[in-house]
Amino acid sequence: MSLEHYNAELASIDMEIARLAQLCGIQMLQPGVAEAVLRNDSSLCNSTNPLAWEKLRGLLVLHYHVVAENAAADGVDAAAETLRQALQSVSARMRPQQQ
């Protein structure tokens, strides 16, 4: 797969993760939050939304799978760049909603 494909795939996954995190009332970029989501620790949610929580958790697992696949195919540096670009894209798109 090409770098552009990984960029688009991760940006799409991460955009949905950001939307679901908002629904659950959690800050995904805070230290330890992603790990807590992977451990299925829903106590950090500020609102109860089991459907959003399960989808969020599943997409986070998918996110890590895509990053690992990218690293295996193109190397760790390329995967890190893809991740940086996806995070930058999502941050830019989410900014207007965080007033």
N, C-alpha and C. Protein backbone atom coordinates (compact mmCIF):
# COMPACT_ATOMS: atom_id res chain seq x y z
N MET A 1 0.84 -1.19 0.00
CA MET A 1 0.00 0.00 0.00
C MET A 1 0.87 1.24 0.00
N SER A 2 0.34 2.31 -0.52
CA SER A 2 1.09 3.55 -0.61
C SER A 2 0.93 4.37 0.68
N LEU A 3 1.85 5.30 0.84
CA LEU A 3 1.79 6.20 1.99
C LEU A 3 0.48 6.98 1.99
N GLU A 4 0.03 7.40 0.80
CA GLU A 4 -1.22 8.16 0.70
C GLU A 4 -2.41 7.32 1.17
N HIS A 5 -2.37 6.02 0.83
CA HIS A 5 -3.45 5.14 1.26
C HIS A 5 -3.49 5.05 2.79
N TYR A 6 -2.34 4.84 3.42
CA TYR A 6 -2.29 4.78 4.88
C TYR A 6 -2.73 6.10 5.49
N ASN A 7 -2.29 7.21 4.90
CA ASN A 7 -2.70 8.54 5.40
C ASN A 7 -4.21 8.69 5.39
N ALA A 8 -4.82 8.35 4.26
CA ALA A 8 -6.27 8.50 4.13
C ALA A 8 -7.00 7.55 5.07
N GLU A 9 -6.53 6.31 5.16
CA GLU A 9 -7.18 5.33 6.02
C GLU A 9 -7.10 5.75 7.49
N LEU A 10 -5.90 6.14 7.93
CA LEU A 10 -5.76 6.55 9.33
C LEU A 10 -6.53 7.82 9.63
N ALA A 11 -6.51 8.78 8.73
CA ALA A 11 -7.25 10.02 8.96
C ALA A 11 -8.74 9.73 9.10
N SER A 12 -9.26 8.84 8.28
CA SER A 12 -10.68 8.47 8.34
C SER A 12 -11.00 7.79 9.67
N ILE A 13 -10.17 6.83 10.05
CA ILE A 13 -10.38 6.11 11.32
C ILE A 13 -10.28 7.09 12.49
N ASP A 14 -9.25 7.92 12.48
CA ASP A 14 -9.02 8.83 13.60
C ASP A 14 -10.09 9.91 13.70
N MET A 15 -10.66 10.32 12.56
CA MET A 15 -11.75 11.30 12.60
C MET A 15 -12.96 10.70 13.31
N GLU A 16 -13.26 9.44 13.01
CA GLU A 16 -14.38 8.77 13.67
C GLU A 16 -14.08 8.54 15.15
N ILE A 17 -12.83 8.20 15.47
CA ILE A 17 -12.43 8.05 16.88
C ILE A 17 -12.65 9.36 17.62
N ALA A 18 -12.25 10.47 17.02
CA ALA A 18 -12.43 11.78 17.67
C ALA A 18 -13.90 12.09 17.89
N ARG A 19 -14.74 11.79 16.90
CA ARG A 19 -16.18 12.04 17.02
C ARG A 19 -16.78 11.19 18.14
N LEU A 20 -16.41 9.92 18.18
CA LEU A 20 -16.94 9.03 19.21
C LEU A 20 -16.42 9.40 20.60
N ALA A 21 -15.18 9.84 20.66
CA ALA A 21 -14.62 10.28 21.95
C ALA A 21 -15.42 11.47 22.48
N GLN A 22 -15.82 12.37 21.59
CA GLN A 22 -16.65 13.51 22.02
C GLN A 22 -17.99 13.01 22.56
N LEU A 23 -18.58 12.03 21.88
CA LEU A 23 -19.86 11.47 22.35
C LEU A 23 -19.73 10.84 23.73
N CYS A 24 -18.56 10.24 23.98
CA CYS A 24 -18.33 9.58 25.27
C CYS A 24 -17.81 10.56 26.32
N GLY A 25 -17.46 11.77 25.89
CA GLY A 25 -16.96 12.77 26.83
C GLY A 25 -15.56 12.50 27.32
N ILE A 26 -14.70 11.95 26.45
CA ILE A 26 -13.32 11.69 26.88
C ILE A 26 -12.34 12.41 25.96
N GLN A 27 -11.17 12.67 26.49
CA GLN A 27 -10.09 13.34 25.77
C GLN A 27 -9.06 12.29 25.35
N MET A 28 -9.14 11.81 24.11
CA MET A 28 -8.30 10.71 23.65
C MET A 28 -6.81 11.04 23.69
N LEU A 29 -6.43 12.30 23.58
CA LEU A 29 -5.01 12.63 23.52
C LEU A 29 -4.37 12.81 24.90
N GLN A 30 -5.15 12.72 25.95
CA GLN A 30 -4.59 12.81 27.29
C GLN A 30 -3.81 11.53 27.61
N PRO A 31 -2.71 11.65 28.37
CA PRO A 31 -1.90 10.47 28.71
C PRO A 31 -2.74 9.38 29.38
N GLY A 32 -2.56 8.16 28.91
CA GLY A 32 -3.21 7.00 29.51
C GLY A 32 -4.62 6.71 29.03
N VAL A 33 -5.24 7.64 28.31
CA VAL A 33 -6.63 7.45 27.90
C VAL A 33 -6.76 6.34 26.86
N ALA A 34 -5.91 6.35 25.84
CA ALA A 34 -5.99 5.30 24.81
C ALA A 34 -5.80 3.92 25.43
N GLU A 35 -4.86 3.81 26.35
CA GLU A 35 -4.61 2.53 27.02
C GLU A 35 -5.83 2.10 27.83
N ALA A 36 -6.47 3.06 28.50
CA ALA A 36 -7.67 2.75 29.28
C ALA A 36 -8.79 2.28 28.36
N VAL A 37 -8.95 2.90 27.21
CA VAL A 37 -9.97 2.48 26.26
C VAL A 37 -9.68 1.06 25.79
N LEU A 38 -8.43 0.77 25.49
CA LEU A 38 -8.06 -0.58 25.05
C LEU A 38 -8.31 -1.61 26.15
N ARG A 39 -8.15 -1.21 27.40
CA ARG A 39 -8.44 -2.11 28.55
C ARG A 39 -9.93 -2.22 28.82
N ASN A 40 -10.73 -1.47 28.05
CA ASN A 40 -12.19 -1.46 28.21
C ASN A 40 -12.62 -0.82 29.53
N ASP A 41 -11.86 0.17 29.97
CA ASP A 41 -12.17 0.90 31.21
C ASP A 41 -13.07 2.09 30.87
N SER A 42 -14.35 1.85 30.86
CA SER A 42 -15.29 2.91 30.48
C SER A 42 -15.57 3.90 31.61
N SER A 43 -14.92 3.74 32.75
CA SER A 43 -15.14 4.65 33.88
C SER A 43 -14.66 6.07 33.56
N LEU A 44 -13.83 6.23 32.55
CA LEU A 44 -13.35 7.57 32.22
C LEU A 44 -14.34 8.35 31.37
N CYS A 45 -15.43 7.71 30.94
CA CYS A 45 -16.46 8.39 30.14
C CYS A 45 -17.25 9.36 31.00
N ASN A 46 -17.51 10.54 30.45
CA ASN A 46 -18.33 11.52 31.15
C ASN A 46 -19.81 11.39 30.79
N SER A 47 -20.11 10.56 29.80
CA SER A 47 -21.50 10.30 29.44
C SER A 47 -21.65 8.83 29.09
N THR A 48 -22.82 8.28 29.34
CA THR A 48 -23.06 6.87 29.09
C THR A 48 -23.59 6.69 27.68
N ASN A 49 -22.80 6.00 26.87
CA ASN A 49 -23.18 5.72 25.50
C ASN A 49 -22.49 4.41 25.10
N PRO A 50 -23.06 3.27 25.52
CA PRO A 50 -22.41 1.98 25.28
C PRO A 50 -22.11 1.69 23.81
N LEU A 51 -22.99 2.09 22.91
CA LEU A 51 -22.77 1.84 21.49
C LEU A 51 -21.55 2.63 20.99
N ALA A 52 -21.49 3.92 21.35
CA ALA A 52 -20.34 4.75 20.96
C ALA A 52 -19.05 4.21 21.58
N TRP A 53 -19.12 3.76 22.84
CA TRP A 53 -17.94 3.23 23.52
C TRP A 53 -17.39 1.99 22.79
N GLU A 54 -18.26 1.06 22.45
CA GLU A 54 -17.82 -0.16 21.78
C GLU A 54 -17.23 0.14 20.40
N LYS A 55 -17.85 1.05 19.68
CA LYS A 55 -17.34 1.43 18.37
C LYS A 55 -16.00 2.15 18.51
N LEU A 56 -15.89 3.03 19.49
CA LEU A 56 -14.64 3.73 19.77
C LEU A 56 -13.52 2.74 20.05
N ARG A 57 -13.78 1.80 20.91
CA ARG A 57 -12.77 0.80 21.28
C ARG A 57 -12.35 -0.02 20.06
N GLY A 58 -13.32 -0.46 19.26
CA GLY A 58 -13.01 -1.23 18.07
C GLY A 58 -12.19 -0.44 17.06
N LEU A 59 -12.52 0.82 16.88
CA LEU A 59 -11.76 1.66 15.94
C LEU A 59 -10.36 1.95 16.45
N LEU A 60 -10.19 2.04 17.76
CA LEU A 60 -8.86 2.25 18.31
C LEU A 60 -7.98 1.02 18.05
N VAL A 61 -8.56 -0.17 18.21
CA VAL A 61 -7.84 -1.40 17.88
C VAL A 61 -7.46 -1.39 16.39
N LEU A 62 -8.40 -1.01 15.53
CA LEU A 62 -8.15 -0.93 14.10
C LEU A 62 -7.04 0.09 13.81
N HIS A 63 -7.07 1.22 14.49
CA HIS A 63 -6.04 2.25 14.34
C HIS A 63 -4.65 1.64 14.57
N TYR A 64 -4.50 0.93 15.69
CA TYR A 64 -3.20 0.33 16.00
C TYR A 64 -2.81 -0.73 14.98
N HIS A 65 -3.79 -1.46 14.46
CA HIS A 65 -3.52 -2.48 13.44
C HIS A 65 -2.99 -1.82 12.16
N VAL A 66 -3.62 -0.73 11.74
CA VAL A 66 -3.19 -0.03 10.53
C VAL A 66 -1.78 0.55 10.72
N VAL A 67 -1.49 1.11 11.87
CA VAL A 67 -0.15 1.65 12.14
C VAL A 67 0.89 0.51 12.10
N ALA A 68 0.56 -0.63 12.70
CA ALA A 68 1.49 -1.76 12.69
C ALA A 68 1.70 -2.28 11.27
N GLU A 69 0.63 -2.34 10.50
CA GLU A 69 0.71 -2.78 9.10
C GLU A 69 1.58 -1.81 8.29
N ASN A 70 1.40 -0.54 8.51
CA ASN A 70 2.19 0.49 7.84
C ASN A 70 3.66 0.35 8.21
N ALA A 71 3.95 0.15 9.49
CA ALA A 71 5.34 0.00 9.95
C ALA A 71 5.99 -1.24 9.33
N ALA A 72 5.23 -2.34 9.24
CA ALA A 72 5.77 -3.56 8.66
C ALA A 72 6.04 -3.39 7.16
N ALA A 73 5.17 -2.65 6.48
CA ALA A 73 5.31 -2.49 5.03
C ALA A 73 6.33 -1.43 4.65
N ASP A 74 6.34 -0.31 5.37
CA ASP A 74 7.14 0.84 4.94
C ASP A 74 8.19 1.29 5.95
N GLY A 75 8.24 0.67 7.11
CA GLY A 75 9.21 1.06 8.14
C GLY A 75 8.60 1.96 9.19
N VAL A 76 9.26 2.00 10.32
CA VAL A 76 8.76 2.74 11.48
C VAL A 76 8.72 4.24 11.21
N ASP A 77 9.72 4.78 10.53
CA ASP A 77 9.73 6.22 10.25
C ASP A 77 8.54 6.63 9.39
N ALA A 78 8.25 5.83 8.37
CA ALA A 78 7.10 6.13 7.50
C ALA A 78 5.80 6.03 8.28
N ALA A 79 5.69 5.03 9.15
CA ALA A 79 4.48 4.87 9.97
C ALA A 79 4.31 6.05 10.92
N ALA A 80 5.41 6.51 11.50
CA ALA A 80 5.35 7.66 12.40
C ALA A 80 4.90 8.91 11.65
N GLU A 81 5.38 9.08 10.43
CA GLU A 81 4.97 10.23 9.62
C GLU A 81 3.50 10.15 9.26
N THR A 82 3.03 8.96 8.90
CA THR A 82 1.62 8.76 8.59
C THR A 82 0.76 9.11 9.80
N LEU A 83 1.17 8.65 10.96
CA LEU A 83 0.44 8.92 12.20
C LEU A 83 0.43 10.42 12.50
N ARG A 84 1.57 11.08 12.32
CA ARG A 84 1.65 12.53 12.56
C ARG A 84 0.71 13.29 11.63
N GLN A 85 0.69 12.90 10.36
CA GLN A 85 -0.17 13.57 9.39
C GLN A 85 -1.65 13.33 9.69
N ALA A 86 -1.99 12.11 10.08
CA ALA A 86 -3.39 11.81 10.41
C ALA A 86 -3.84 12.62 11.62
N LEU A 87 -3.00 12.70 12.64
CA LEU A 87 -3.33 13.47 13.84
C LEU A 87 -3.48 14.95 13.50
N GLN A 88 -2.60 15.46 12.67
CA GLN A 88 -2.68 16.86 12.25
C GLN A 88 -3.98 17.13 11.49
N SER A 89 -4.35 16.22 10.62
CA SER A 89 -5.58 16.37 9.83
C SER A 89 -6.81 16.37 10.73
N VAL A 90 -6.86 15.43 11.65
CA VAL A 90 -8.01 15.34 12.55
C VAL A 90 -8.07 16.56 13.46
N SER A 91 -6.93 16.97 13.98
CA SER A 91 -6.91 18.16 14.86
C SER A 91 -7.43 19.38 14.14
N ALA A 92 -7.01 19.55 12.88
CA ALA A 92 -7.46 20.71 12.10
C ALA A 92 -8.97 20.65 11.85
N ARG A 93 -9.48 19.46 11.58
CA ARG A 93 -10.92 19.32 11.29
C ARG A 93 -11.77 19.44 12.55
N MET A 94 -11.25 19.05 13.69
CA MET A 94 -12.02 19.10 14.94
C MET A 94 -11.96 20.48 15.59
N ARG A 95 -10.96 21.25 15.32
CA ARG A 95 -10.76 22.56 15.96
C ARG A 95 -12.00 23.46 15.90
N PRO A 96 -12.65 23.63 14.73
CA PRO A 96 -13.81 24.52 14.69
C PRO A 96 -14.95 24.11 15.61
N GLN A 97 -15.05 22.83 15.94
CA GLN A 97 -16.13 22.34 16.78
C GLN A 97 -15.83 22.54 18.27
N GLN A 98 -14.58 22.84 18.60
CA GLN A 98 -14.19 22.98 20.02
C GLN A 98 -14.10 24.44 20.39
N GLN A 99 -15.23 25.13 20.44
CA GLN A 99 -15.23 26.56 20.73
C GLN A 99 -15.41 26.82 22.19
